[in-house]
Amino acid sequence: MNSVRIIGGHYRRRILRFPDSEGLRPTPDRVRETLFNWLGQDLDGRHCLDLFAGSGALGFEAASRGAARVVMVEQAPKVLAALRENAKMLQNPREVEIMRGDALQYLASNTSKFDLIFLDPPYGKGWIPRLAPLLAGVANEDAALYVEAEARIEALGDWRAVRHGKAGEVHFQLMRRETA
């Protein structure tokens, strides 16, 4: 099993374990630290969607920092089982919902709205352009979008990159909707 640690909040220093799986690249500590500095350390009351949950690093980190609700969507059965084991290790936080599902189907059928969406799909599979038109349907008006990709992204639908960085081959950006 691979592992990554939660870097801040209530579950700080807890170790998340996850299996090898195609396309699974946990967000490195340094990148998560940068992201949560951009967002502010406290996510009290925010509703978060981790669309390709993978290791759970982003979703559990959000829960650790006070998010009111974190929905983690994952399709791979072994990875999903590891997410559930990690939730159990954290004493099944009530704010965390782990769902098996396809990202496109989830976005098309979901009626909940989120304040923060984590989007870190497997690279080279064309996920981001397919997901972009559906994101507005699950995002609150002032929602932020965090995207990891193999290349820098300046815009995605109504969202524009307001912060960006690069760590190794990973480009990461925090995006917000353009205001009138």
C-alpha atoms as a PDB file:
ATOM      1  CA  MET A   1       0.000   0.000   0.000  1.00  0.00           C
ATOM      2  CA  ASN A   2       1.075   3.572  -0.735  1.00  0.00           C
ATOM      3  CA  SER A   3       0.563   6.365   1.771  1.00  0.00           C
ATOM      4  CA  VAL A   4       0.136  10.115   2.101  1.00  0.00           C
ATOM      5  CA  ARG A   5      -0.337  12.182   5.237  1.00  0.00           C
ATOM      6  CA  ILE A   6      -2.924  14.804   6.079  1.00  0.00           C
ATOM      7  CA  ILE A   7      -0.976  18.032   6.603  1.00  0.00           C
ATOM      8  CA  GLY A   8      -3.338  20.283   8.539  1.00  0.00           C
ATOM      9  CA  GLY A   9      -6.423  20.566  10.707  1.00  0.00           C
ATOM     10  CA  HIS A  10      -8.123  18.099  13.005  1.00  0.00           C
ATOM     11  CA  TYR A  11      -6.649  14.964  11.327  1.00  0.00           C
ATOM     12  CA  ARG A  12      -3.166  16.415  10.918  1.00  0.00           C
ATOM     13  CA  ARG A  13      -0.388  13.802  10.653  1.00  0.00           C
ATOM     14  CA  ARG A  14      -2.834  10.930  10.045  1.00  0.00           C
ATOM     15  CA  ILE A  15      -1.653   8.578   7.321  1.00  0.00           C
ATOM     16  CA  LEU A  16      -3.967   7.668   4.424  1.00  0.00           C
ATOM     17  CA  ARG A  17      -3.205   4.360   2.700  1.00  0.00           C
ATOM     18  CA  PHE A  18      -4.181   3.501  -0.867  1.00  0.00           C
ATOM     19  CA  PRO A  19      -3.415   0.834  -3.498  1.00  0.00           C
ATOM     20  CA  ASP A  20      -1.670   1.228  -6.820  1.00  0.00           C
ATOM     21  CA  SER A  21      -4.186   2.089  -9.499  1.00  0.00           C
ATOM     22  CA  GLU A  22      -3.856   3.353 -13.047  1.00  0.00           C
ATOM     23  CA  GLY A  23      -3.907   7.135 -13.176  1.00  0.00           C
ATOM     24  CA  LEU A  24      -3.843   7.578  -9.383  1.00  0.00           C
ATOM     25  CA  ARG A  25      -1.380  10.309  -8.380  1.00  0.00           C
ATOM     26  CA  PRO A  26      -1.964  11.688  -4.906  1.00  0.00           C
ATOM     27  CA  THR A  27      -1.590  15.438  -4.620  1.00  0.00           C
ATOM     28  CA  PRO A  28       1.840  15.982  -3.020  1.00  0.00           C
ATOM     29  CA  ASP A  29       2.118  17.576   0.435  1.00  0.00           C
ATOM     30  CA  ARG A  30       3.772  20.695  -0.985  1.00  0.00           C
ATOM     31  CA  VAL A  31       0.977  21.247  -3.513  1.00  0.00           C
ATOM     32  CA  ARG A  32      -1.759  20.683  -0.900  1.00  0.00           C
ATOM     33  CA  GLU A  33      -0.032  23.118   1.423  1.00  0.00           C
ATOM     34  CA  THR A  34       0.006  25.734  -1.350  1.00  0.00           C
ATOM     35  CA  LEU A  35      -3.651  25.078  -2.224  1.00  0.00           C
ATOM     36  CA  PHE A  36      -4.853  25.451   1.368  1.00  0.00           C
ATOM     37  CA  ASN A  37      -2.772  28.603   1.778  1.00  0.00           C
ATOM     38  CA  TRP A  38      -4.590  30.000  -1.262  1.00  0.00           C
ATOM     39  CA  LEU A  39      -7.989  28.955   0.112  1.00  0.00           C
ATOM     40  CA  GLY A  40      -7.302  29.927   3.696  1.00  0.00           C
ATOM     41  CA  GLN A  41      -6.602  27.273   6.281  1.00  0.00           C
ATOM     42  CA  ASP A  42     -10.177  27.113   7.557  1.00  0.00           C
ATOM     43  CA  LEU A  43     -12.931  25.642   5.373  1.00  0.00           C
ATOM     44  CA  ASP A  44     -15.661  25.902   8.040  1.00  0.00           C
ATOM     45  CA  GLY A  45     -19.094  25.444   6.559  1.00  0.00           C
ATOM     46  CA  ARG A  46     -17.956  24.796   2.990  1.00  0.00           C
ATOM     47  CA  HIS A  47     -19.366  22.006   0.873  1.00  0.00           C
ATOM     48  CA  CYS A  48     -16.674  20.253  -1.153  1.00  0.00           C
ATOM     49  CA  LEU A  49     -16.720  17.780  -4.022  1.00  0.00           C
ATOM     50  CA  ASP A  50     -13.680  15.580  -4.680  1.00  0.00           C
ATOM     51  CA  LEU A  51     -14.641  14.220  -8.094  1.00  0.00           C
ATOM     52  CA  PHE A  52     -11.746  11.782  -8.652  1.00  0.00           C
ATOM     53  CA  ALA A  53     -11.063  11.039  -4.994  1.00  0.00           C
ATOM     54  CA  GLY A  54      -8.210   8.554  -5.505  1.00  0.00           C
ATOM     55  CA  SER A  55      -6.068   8.559  -2.356  1.00  0.00           C
ATOM     56  CA  GLY A  56      -8.545  10.879  -0.636  1.00  0.00           C
ATOM     57  CA  ALA A  57      -5.787  13.391   0.133  1.00  0.00           C
ATOM     58  CA  LEU A  58      -7.792  16.430  -1.009  1.00  0.00           C
ATOM     59  CA  GLY A  59     -11.167  15.387   0.392  1.00  0.00           C
ATOM     60  CA  PHE A  60      -9.900  14.220   3.777  1.00  0.00           C
ATOM     61  CA  GLU A  61      -7.707  17.332   4.005  1.00  0.00           C
ATOM     62  CA  ALA A  62     -10.833  19.485   3.434  1.00  0.00           C
ATOM     63  CA  ALA A  63     -12.726  17.554   6.129  1.00  0.00           C
ATOM     64  CA  SER A  64      -9.754  17.945   8.466  1.00  0.00           C
ATOM     65  CA  ARG A  65      -9.932  21.709   7.967  1.00  0.00           C
ATOM     66  CA  GLY A  66     -13.598  22.043   8.899  1.00  0.00           C
ATOM     67  CA  ALA A  67     -15.586  21.513   5.696  1.00  0.00           C
ATOM     68  CA  ALA A  68     -19.254  20.902   6.526  1.00  0.00           C
ATOM     69  CA  ARG A  69     -19.638  18.320   3.754  1.00  0.00           C
ATOM     70  CA  VAL A  70     -17.160  16.464   1.554  1.00  0.00           C
ATOM     71  CA  VAL A  71     -18.449  14.191  -1.192  1.00  0.00           C
ATOM     72  CA  MET A  72     -15.754  11.896  -2.561  1.00  0.00           C
ATOM     73  CA  VAL A  73     -16.515  10.163  -5.864  1.00  0.00           C
ATOM     74  CA  GLU A  74     -14.380   7.224  -7.003  1.00  0.00           C
ATOM     75  CA  GLN A  75     -15.010   4.485  -9.541  1.00  0.00           C
ATOM     76  CA  ALA A  76     -12.182   1.959  -8.993  1.00  0.00           C
ATOM     77  CA  PRO A  77     -13.324  -0.733  -6.501  1.00  0.00           C
ATOM     78  CA  LYS A  78      -9.920  -1.251  -4.791  1.00  0.00           C
ATOM     79  CA  VAL A  79      -9.404   2.504  -4.407  1.00  0.00           C
ATOM     80  CA  LEU A  80     -12.967   2.928  -3.141  1.00  0.00           C
ATOM     81  CA  ALA A  81     -12.357   0.221  -0.522  1.00  0.00           C
ATOM     82  CA  ALA A  82      -9.206   2.054   0.637  1.00  0.00           C
ATOM     83  CA  LEU A  83     -11.149   5.340   0.922  1.00  0.00           C
ATOM     84  CA  ARG A  84     -13.682   3.599   3.147  1.00  0.00           C
ATOM     85  CA  GLU A  85     -10.899   2.095   5.277  1.00  0.00           C
ATOM     86  CA  ASN A  86      -9.327   5.540   5.653  1.00  0.00           C
ATOM     87  CA  ALA A  87     -12.676   6.995   6.710  1.00  0.00           C
ATOM     88  CA  LYS A  88     -12.993   4.197   9.262  1.00  0.00           C
ATOM     89  CA  MET A  89      -9.470   4.960  10.565  1.00  0.00           C
ATOM     90  CA  LEU A  90     -10.621   8.589  11.029  1.00  0.00           C
ATOM     91  CA  GLN A  91     -13.690   7.294  12.925  1.00  0.00           C
ATOM     92  CA  ASN A  92     -16.073   7.811   9.990  1.00  0.00           C
ATOM     93  CA  PRO A  93     -16.387  11.607   9.954  1.00  0.00           C
ATOM     94  CA  ARG A  94     -20.061  12.474   9.499  1.00  0.00           C
ATOM     95  CA  GLU A  95     -19.221  15.201   6.985  1.00  0.00           C
ATOM     96  CA  VAL A  96     -17.563  12.734   4.577  1.00  0.00           C
ATOM     97  CA  GLU A  97     -19.655  10.861   1.995  1.00  0.00           C
ATOM     98  CA  ILE A  98     -17.848   8.301  -0.147  1.00  0.00           C
ATOM     99  CA  MET A  99     -19.636   7.268  -3.329  1.00  0.00           C
ATOM    100  CA  ARG A 100     -18.825   4.807  -6.069  1.00  0.00           C
ATOM    101  CA  GLY A 101     -19.529   6.374  -9.401  1.00  0.00           C
ATOM    102  CA  ASP A 102     -18.485   7.805 -12.713  1.00  0.00           C
ATOM    103  CA  ALA A 103     -17.630  11.520 -12.636  1.00  0.00           C
ATOM    104  CA  LEU A 104     -19.731  12.403 -15.695  1.00  0.00           C
ATOM    105  CA  GLN A 105     -22.771  10.518 -14.411  1.00  0.00           C
ATOM    106  CA  TYR A 106     -22.412  12.076 -10.976  1.00  0.00           C
ATOM    107  CA  LEU A 107     -22.318  15.610 -12.399  1.00  0.00           C
ATOM    108  CA  ALA A 108     -25.243  14.923 -14.745  1.00  0.00           C
ATOM    109  CA  SER A 109     -27.505  13.465 -12.041  1.00  0.00           C
ATOM    110  CA  ASN A 110     -26.525  15.394  -8.905  1.00  0.00           C
ATOM    111  CA  THR A 111     -28.622  18.283  -7.576  1.00  0.00           C
ATOM    112  CA  SER A 112     -26.370  19.350  -4.673  1.00  0.00           C
ATOM    113  CA  LYS A 113     -24.335  22.540  -4.911  1.00  0.00           C
ATOM    114  CA  PHE A 114     -20.723  22.870  -3.805  1.00  0.00           C
ATOM    115  CA  ASP A 115     -18.472  25.732  -2.719  1.00  0.00           C
ATOM    116  CA  LEU A 116     -15.240  24.001  -3.708  1.00  0.00           C
ATOM    117  CA  ILE A 117     -14.666  21.353  -6.369  1.00  0.00           C
ATOM    118  CA  PHE A 118     -11.454  19.322  -6.568  1.00  0.00           C
ATOM    119  CA  LEU A 119     -10.786  18.076 -10.078  1.00  0.00           C
ATOM    120  CA  ASP A 120      -7.743  15.823 -10.464  1.00  0.00           C
ATOM    121  CA  PRO A 121      -8.621  13.267 -13.155  1.00  0.00           C
ATOM    122  CA  PRO A 122      -6.254  10.731 -14.736  1.00  0.00           C
ATOM    123  CA  TYR A 123      -4.064  12.427 -17.320  1.00  0.00           C
ATOM    124  CA  GLY A 124      -4.289  11.886 -21.055  1.00  0.00           C
ATOM    125  CA  LYS A 125      -7.899  10.686 -21.069  1.00  0.00           C
ATOM    126  CA  GLY A 126      -9.669  13.919 -22.065  1.00  0.00           C
ATOM    127  CA  TRP A 127     -11.622  14.194 -18.826  1.00  0.00           C
ATOM    128  CA  ILE A 128     -11.397  17.940 -18.263  1.00  0.00           C
ATOM    129  CA  PRO A 129     -13.073  19.090 -21.513  1.00  0.00           C
ATOM    130  CA  ARG A 130     -15.860  16.526 -20.999  1.00  0.00           C
ATOM    131  CA  LEU A 131     -16.479  17.622 -17.408  1.00  0.00           C
ATOM    132  CA  ALA A 132     -16.282  21.389 -17.971  1.00  0.00           C
ATOM    133  CA  PRO A 133     -19.838  21.881 -19.321  1.00  0.00           C
ATOM    134  CA  LEU A 134     -21.339  20.037 -16.336  1.00  0.00           C
ATOM    135  CA  LEU A 135     -19.477  21.803 -13.530  1.00  0.00           C
ATOM    136  CA  ALA A 136     -21.731  24.855 -13.410  1.00  0.00           C
ATOM    137  CA  GLY A 137     -24.668  22.601 -12.509  1.00  0.00           C
ATOM    138  CA  VAL A 138     -23.051  21.551  -9.205  1.00  0.00           C
ATOM    139  CA  ALA A 139     -21.258  24.783  -8.293  1.00  0.00           C
ATOM    140  CA  ASN A 140     -22.550  27.594  -6.118  1.00  0.00           C
ATOM    141  CA  GLU A 141     -22.280  31.027  -7.717  1.00  0.00           C
ATOM    142  CA  ASP A 142     -19.045  31.896  -5.896  1.00  0.00           C
ATOM    143  CA  ALA A 143     -17.564  28.371  -6.009  1.00  0.00           C
ATOM    144  CA  ALA A 144     -13.853  27.775  -6.460  1.00  0.00           C
ATOM    145  CA  LEU A 145     -12.469  25.069  -8.699  1.00  0.00           C
ATOM    146  CA  TYR A 146      -9.121  23.400  -8.066  1.00  0.00           C
ATOM    147  CA  VAL A 147      -7.703  21.617 -11.116  1.00  0.00           C
ATOM    148  CA  GLU A 148      -4.622  19.437 -11.519  1.00  0.00           C
ATOM    149  CA  ALA A 149      -3.606  18.657 -15.073  1.00  0.00           C
ATOM    150  CA  GLU A 150      -0.678  17.770 -17.287  1.00  0.00           C
ATOM    151  CA  ALA A 151      -0.675  21.308 -18.733  1.00  0.00           C
ATOM    152  CA  ARG A 152      -1.514  24.764 -17.459  1.00  0.00           C
ATOM    153  CA  ILE A 153      -5.173  25.746 -17.806  1.00  0.00           C
ATOM    154  CA  GLU A 154      -6.060  29.438 -18.017  1.00  0.00           C
ATOM    155  CA  ALA A 155      -9.817  29.014 -18.422  1.00  0.00           C
ATOM    156  CA  LEU A 156     -12.413  26.309 -18.032  1.00  0.00           C
ATOM    157  CA  GLY A 157     -15.940  27.300 -18.962  1.00  0.00           C
ATOM    158  CA  ASP A 158     -16.839  30.328 -16.829  1.00  0.00           C
ATOM    159  CA  TRP A 159     -13.825  29.825 -14.562  1.00  0.00           C
ATOM    160  CA  ARG A 160     -10.497  31.629 -14.914  1.00  0.00           C
ATOM    161  CA  ALA A 161      -7.254  30.708 -13.182  1.00  0.00           C
ATOM    162  CA  VAL A 162      -6.570  33.133 -10.341  1.00  0.00           C
ATOM    163  CA  ARG A 163      -3.568  31.210  -8.944  1.00  0.00           C
ATOM    164  CA  HIS A 164      -1.401  28.560 -10.505  1.00  0.00           C
ATOM    165  CA  GLY A 165       1.730  26.569  -9.858  1.00  0.00           C
ATOM    166  CA  LYS A 166       3.792  23.675 -11.102  1.00  0.00           C
ATOM    167  CA  ALA A 167       5.400  20.812  -9.192  1.00  0.00           C
ATOM    168  CA  GLY A 168       7.326  18.372 -11.359  1.00  0.00           C
ATOM    169  CA  GLU A 169       5.040  17.519 -14.257  1.00  0.00           C
ATOM    170  CA  VAL A 170       1.884  18.597 -12.407  1.00  0.00           C
ATOM    171  CA  HIS A 171       0.247  21.923 -13.208  1.00  0.00           C
ATOM    172  CA  PHE A 172      -2.233  23.031 -10.563  1.00  0.00           C
ATOM    173  CA  GLN A 173      -4.579  25.978 -10.602  1.00  0.00           C
ATOM    174  CA  LEU A 174      -7.235  27.566  -8.441  1.00  0.00           C
ATOM    175  CA  MET A 175     -10.043  28.917 -10.578  1.00  0.00           C
ATOM    176  CA  ARG A 176     -12.943  31.255  -9.900  1.00  0.00           C
ATOM    177  CA  ARG A 177     -15.821  32.420 -12.063  1.00  0.00           C
ATOM    178  CA  GLU A 178     -15.433  35.677 -13.900  1.00  0.00           C
ATOM    179  CA  THR A 179     -17.428  38.443 -12.301  1.00  0.00           C
ATOM    180  CA  ALA A 180     -19.465  40.854 -14.345  1.00  0.00           C
END
